[in-house]
N, C-alpha and C. Protein backbone atom coordinates (compact mmCIF):
# COMPACT_ATOMS: atom_id res chain seq x y z
N MET A 1 0.85 -1.18 0.00
CA MET A 1 0.00 0.00 0.00
C MET A 1 0.89 1.24 0.00
N ARG A 2 0.48 2.24 -0.74
CA ARG A 2 1.22 3.50 -0.79
C ARG A 2 1.20 4.19 0.58
N LEU A 3 2.26 4.94 0.87
CA LEU A 3 2.36 5.65 2.15
C LEU A 3 1.21 6.64 2.33
N ASP A 4 0.91 7.44 1.32
CA ASP A 4 -0.17 8.42 1.46
C ASP A 4 -1.52 7.75 1.66
N ASP A 5 -1.73 6.64 0.98
CA ASP A 5 -2.98 5.89 1.12
C ASP A 5 -3.08 5.26 2.52
N TYR A 6 -1.97 4.72 3.02
CA TYR A 6 -1.96 4.12 4.35
C TYR A 6 -2.33 5.16 5.41
N LEU A 7 -1.70 6.32 5.35
CA LEU A 7 -1.95 7.36 6.36
C LEU A 7 -3.40 7.81 6.37
N SER A 8 -4.02 7.89 5.21
CA SER A 8 -5.43 8.30 5.17
C SER A 8 -6.36 7.14 5.53
N THR A 9 -6.02 5.92 5.14
CA THR A 9 -6.87 4.76 5.43
C THR A 9 -6.95 4.49 6.92
N VAL A 10 -5.83 4.62 7.63
CA VAL A 10 -5.84 4.38 9.09
C VAL A 10 -6.14 5.66 9.86
N ARG A 11 -6.54 6.69 9.14
CA ARG A 11 -7.03 7.95 9.70
C ARG A 11 -6.02 8.73 10.54
N LEU A 12 -4.75 8.61 10.20
CA LEU A 12 -3.76 9.47 10.84
C LEU A 12 -3.79 10.85 10.21
N ILE A 13 -4.13 10.89 8.93
CA ILE A 13 -4.32 12.15 8.20
C ILE A 13 -5.67 12.05 7.52
N LYS A 14 -6.40 13.14 7.54
CA LYS A 14 -7.81 13.11 7.12
C LYS A 14 -8.03 12.71 5.66
N ARG A 15 -7.22 13.26 4.75
CA ARG A 15 -7.41 12.97 3.33
C ARG A 15 -6.08 12.58 2.68
N ARG A 16 -6.19 11.77 1.63
CA ARG A 16 -4.99 11.32 0.92
C ARG A 16 -4.24 12.49 0.28
N THR A 17 -4.95 13.47 -0.23
CA THR A 17 -4.28 14.62 -0.85
C THR A 17 -3.49 15.41 0.18
N VAL A 18 -4.02 15.51 1.40
CA VAL A 18 -3.30 16.19 2.47
C VAL A 18 -2.06 15.39 2.83
N ALA A 19 -2.21 14.06 2.91
CA ALA A 19 -1.06 13.19 3.20
C ALA A 19 0.01 13.36 2.13
N LYS A 20 -0.40 13.40 0.87
CA LYS A 20 0.55 13.57 -0.24
C LYS A 20 1.31 14.88 -0.10
N ASP A 21 0.58 15.96 0.18
CA ASP A 21 1.21 17.27 0.35
C ASP A 21 2.19 17.28 1.53
N MET A 22 1.82 16.64 2.62
CA MET A 22 2.70 16.58 3.79
C MET A 22 3.97 15.79 3.49
N ILE A 23 3.82 14.67 2.78
CA ILE A 23 4.98 13.85 2.41
C ILE A 23 5.89 14.64 1.48
N ASP A 24 5.32 15.27 0.47
CA ASP A 24 6.10 16.09 -0.47
C ASP A 24 6.79 17.25 0.24
N GLY A 25 6.16 17.77 1.30
CA GLY A 25 6.73 18.88 2.06
C GLY A 25 7.75 18.47 3.10
N GLY A 26 8.04 17.17 3.21
CA GLY A 26 9.05 16.69 4.16
C GLY A 26 8.55 16.56 5.58
N LEU A 27 7.23 16.58 5.79
CA LEU A 27 6.68 16.48 7.13
C LEU A 27 6.42 15.04 7.56
N VAL A 28 6.65 14.09 6.65
CA VAL A 28 6.47 12.68 6.95
C VAL A 28 7.75 11.95 6.55
N LYS A 29 8.27 11.15 7.46
CA LYS A 29 9.47 10.34 7.20
C LYS A 29 9.11 8.87 7.37
N LEU A 30 9.66 8.04 6.52
CA LEU A 30 9.47 6.59 6.61
C LEU A 30 10.83 5.97 6.92
N ASN A 31 10.94 5.34 8.06
CA ASN A 31 12.20 4.75 8.51
C ASN A 31 13.33 5.78 8.51
N GLY A 32 13.00 7.01 8.90
CA GLY A 32 13.99 8.07 9.03
C GLY A 32 14.37 8.77 7.74
N LYS A 33 13.74 8.42 6.63
CA LYS A 33 14.10 9.00 5.34
C LYS A 33 12.89 9.67 4.69
N SER A 34 13.16 10.70 3.92
CA SER A 34 12.12 11.31 3.09
C SER A 34 11.87 10.40 1.90
N VAL A 35 10.62 10.15 1.62
CA VAL A 35 10.24 9.29 0.50
C VAL A 35 9.13 9.97 -0.29
N LYS A 36 8.75 9.37 -1.39
CA LYS A 36 7.65 9.88 -2.20
C LYS A 36 6.33 9.31 -1.68
N PRO A 37 5.22 9.99 -1.98
CA PRO A 37 3.92 9.51 -1.50
C PRO A 37 3.57 8.09 -1.94
N ALA A 38 4.07 7.66 -3.09
CA ALA A 38 3.75 6.33 -3.61
C ALA A 38 4.65 5.24 -3.06
N HIS A 39 5.58 5.57 -2.17
CA HIS A 39 6.49 4.57 -1.60
C HIS A 39 5.67 3.54 -0.82
N PRO A 40 5.97 2.25 -1.00
CA PRO A 40 5.19 1.23 -0.30
C PRO A 40 5.50 1.19 1.21
N VAL A 41 4.48 0.90 1.98
CA VAL A 41 4.60 0.74 3.43
C VAL A 41 4.56 -0.76 3.73
N ASN A 42 5.43 -1.20 4.63
CA ASN A 42 5.49 -2.60 5.02
C ASN A 42 5.31 -2.73 6.53
N ILE A 43 4.89 -3.90 6.95
CA ILE A 43 4.77 -4.18 8.39
C ILE A 43 6.14 -4.02 9.02
N GLY A 44 6.19 -3.33 10.15
CA GLY A 44 7.45 -3.10 10.84
C GLY A 44 8.10 -1.77 10.51
N ASP A 45 7.58 -1.05 9.52
CA ASP A 45 8.12 0.26 9.18
C ASP A 45 7.79 1.27 10.28
N PHE A 46 8.64 2.30 10.38
CA PHE A 46 8.42 3.39 11.34
C PHE A 46 8.12 4.66 10.56
N VAL A 47 7.07 5.35 10.98
CA VAL A 47 6.64 6.58 10.32
C VAL A 47 6.68 7.71 11.34
N ARG A 48 7.25 8.84 10.95
CA ARG A 48 7.25 10.04 11.80
C ARG A 48 6.47 11.13 11.08
N LEU A 49 5.42 11.62 11.74
CA LEU A 49 4.61 12.72 11.23
C LEU A 49 4.95 13.96 12.03
N THR A 50 5.10 15.09 11.38
CA THR A 50 5.28 16.36 12.07
C THR A 50 4.06 17.21 11.76
N ILE A 51 3.24 17.41 12.78
CA ILE A 51 2.00 18.16 12.62
C ILE A 51 2.03 19.33 13.60
N GLY A 52 2.12 20.53 13.08
CA GLY A 52 2.13 21.72 13.92
C GLY A 52 3.26 21.74 14.92
N GLY A 53 4.42 21.24 14.54
CA GLY A 53 5.57 21.21 15.44
C GLY A 53 5.61 20.01 16.35
N THR A 54 4.53 19.22 16.39
CA THR A 54 4.48 18.01 17.22
C THR A 54 4.88 16.81 16.38
N LYS A 55 5.79 16.01 16.91
CA LYS A 55 6.23 14.81 16.20
C LYS A 55 5.46 13.60 16.74
N ILE A 56 4.91 12.82 15.82
CA ILE A 56 4.19 11.61 16.16
C ILE A 56 4.91 10.45 15.49
N ASP A 57 5.38 9.50 16.29
CA ASP A 57 6.06 8.33 15.77
C ASP A 57 5.14 7.12 15.90
N ILE A 58 5.03 6.35 14.81
CA ILE A 58 4.22 5.14 14.84
C ILE A 58 5.01 3.98 14.21
N GLU A 59 4.62 2.78 14.60
CA GLU A 59 5.14 1.56 13.97
C GLU A 59 3.97 0.90 13.26
N VAL A 60 4.18 0.50 12.01
CA VAL A 60 3.14 -0.15 11.22
C VAL A 60 3.01 -1.60 11.68
N LEU A 61 1.80 -1.97 12.15
CA LEU A 61 1.56 -3.33 12.62
C LEU A 61 0.87 -4.20 11.58
N GLU A 62 -0.03 -3.59 10.80
CA GLU A 62 -0.76 -4.31 9.76
C GLU A 62 -1.03 -3.36 8.60
N ILE A 63 -1.26 -3.95 7.44
CA ILE A 63 -1.62 -3.17 6.26
C ILE A 63 -3.10 -3.47 5.96
N PRO A 64 -3.96 -2.45 5.99
CA PRO A 64 -5.38 -2.70 5.71
C PRO A 64 -5.61 -3.08 4.25
N LEU A 65 -6.56 -3.97 4.03
CA LEU A 65 -6.88 -4.41 2.67
C LEU A 65 -8.06 -3.64 2.10
N ARG A 66 -8.75 -2.88 2.96
CA ARG A 66 -9.94 -2.13 2.55
C ARG A 66 -10.08 -0.93 3.47
N SER A 67 -11.16 -0.20 3.32
CA SER A 67 -11.44 0.92 4.22
C SER A 67 -11.56 0.40 5.64
N VAL A 68 -11.17 1.24 6.59
CA VAL A 68 -11.13 0.84 7.99
C VAL A 68 -12.11 1.69 8.79
N ARG A 69 -12.91 1.03 9.62
CA ARG A 69 -13.81 1.76 10.51
C ARG A 69 -13.00 2.48 11.57
N LYS A 70 -13.53 3.58 12.05
CA LYS A 70 -12.83 4.42 13.03
C LYS A 70 -12.39 3.61 14.25
N GLU A 71 -13.24 2.70 14.70
CA GLU A 71 -12.95 1.89 15.89
C GLU A 71 -11.80 0.90 15.67
N GLU A 72 -11.50 0.57 14.42
CA GLU A 72 -10.48 -0.44 14.11
C GLU A 72 -9.12 0.15 13.76
N CYS A 73 -9.03 1.46 13.60
CA CYS A 73 -7.82 2.10 13.08
C CYS A 73 -6.57 1.77 13.89
N GLU A 74 -6.68 1.78 15.19
CA GLU A 74 -5.48 1.65 16.02
C GLU A 74 -4.88 0.25 16.04
N LYS A 75 -5.54 -0.74 15.47
CA LYS A 75 -4.92 -2.06 15.40
C LYS A 75 -3.91 -2.17 14.26
N PHE A 76 -3.89 -1.13 13.40
CA PHE A 76 -2.99 -1.15 12.25
C PHE A 76 -1.66 -0.46 12.54
N TYR A 77 -1.56 0.23 13.66
CA TYR A 77 -0.30 0.89 14.03
C TYR A 77 -0.19 0.99 15.55
N LYS A 78 1.05 1.16 16.01
CA LYS A 78 1.30 1.38 17.42
C LYS A 78 1.96 2.75 17.56
N ARG A 79 1.36 3.60 18.36
CA ARG A 79 1.91 4.92 18.57
C ARG A 79 3.07 4.83 19.56
N LEU A 80 4.23 5.35 19.17
CA LEU A 80 5.44 5.27 19.97
C LEU A 80 5.66 6.54 20.80
N THR A 81 5.14 7.69 20.34
CA THR A 81 5.28 8.93 21.10
C THR A 81 3.94 9.60 21.26
């Protein structure tokens, strides 16, 4: 699954276009590196989001195969900070 799609599917970022813009702007890092929005996400990857000066670190636990209900979102990642 693409990084921008993953972030919007698990509801860390509201829309995929916003996720794409954040990734392009360097506000999202995958395993400590800047990547493109279409970069694939794998189980065990670490993602750092910078939102309004706040850094949020997560570990990818699962990759969703479809849309995710709000109640199920947190089973797909573990928040580290």
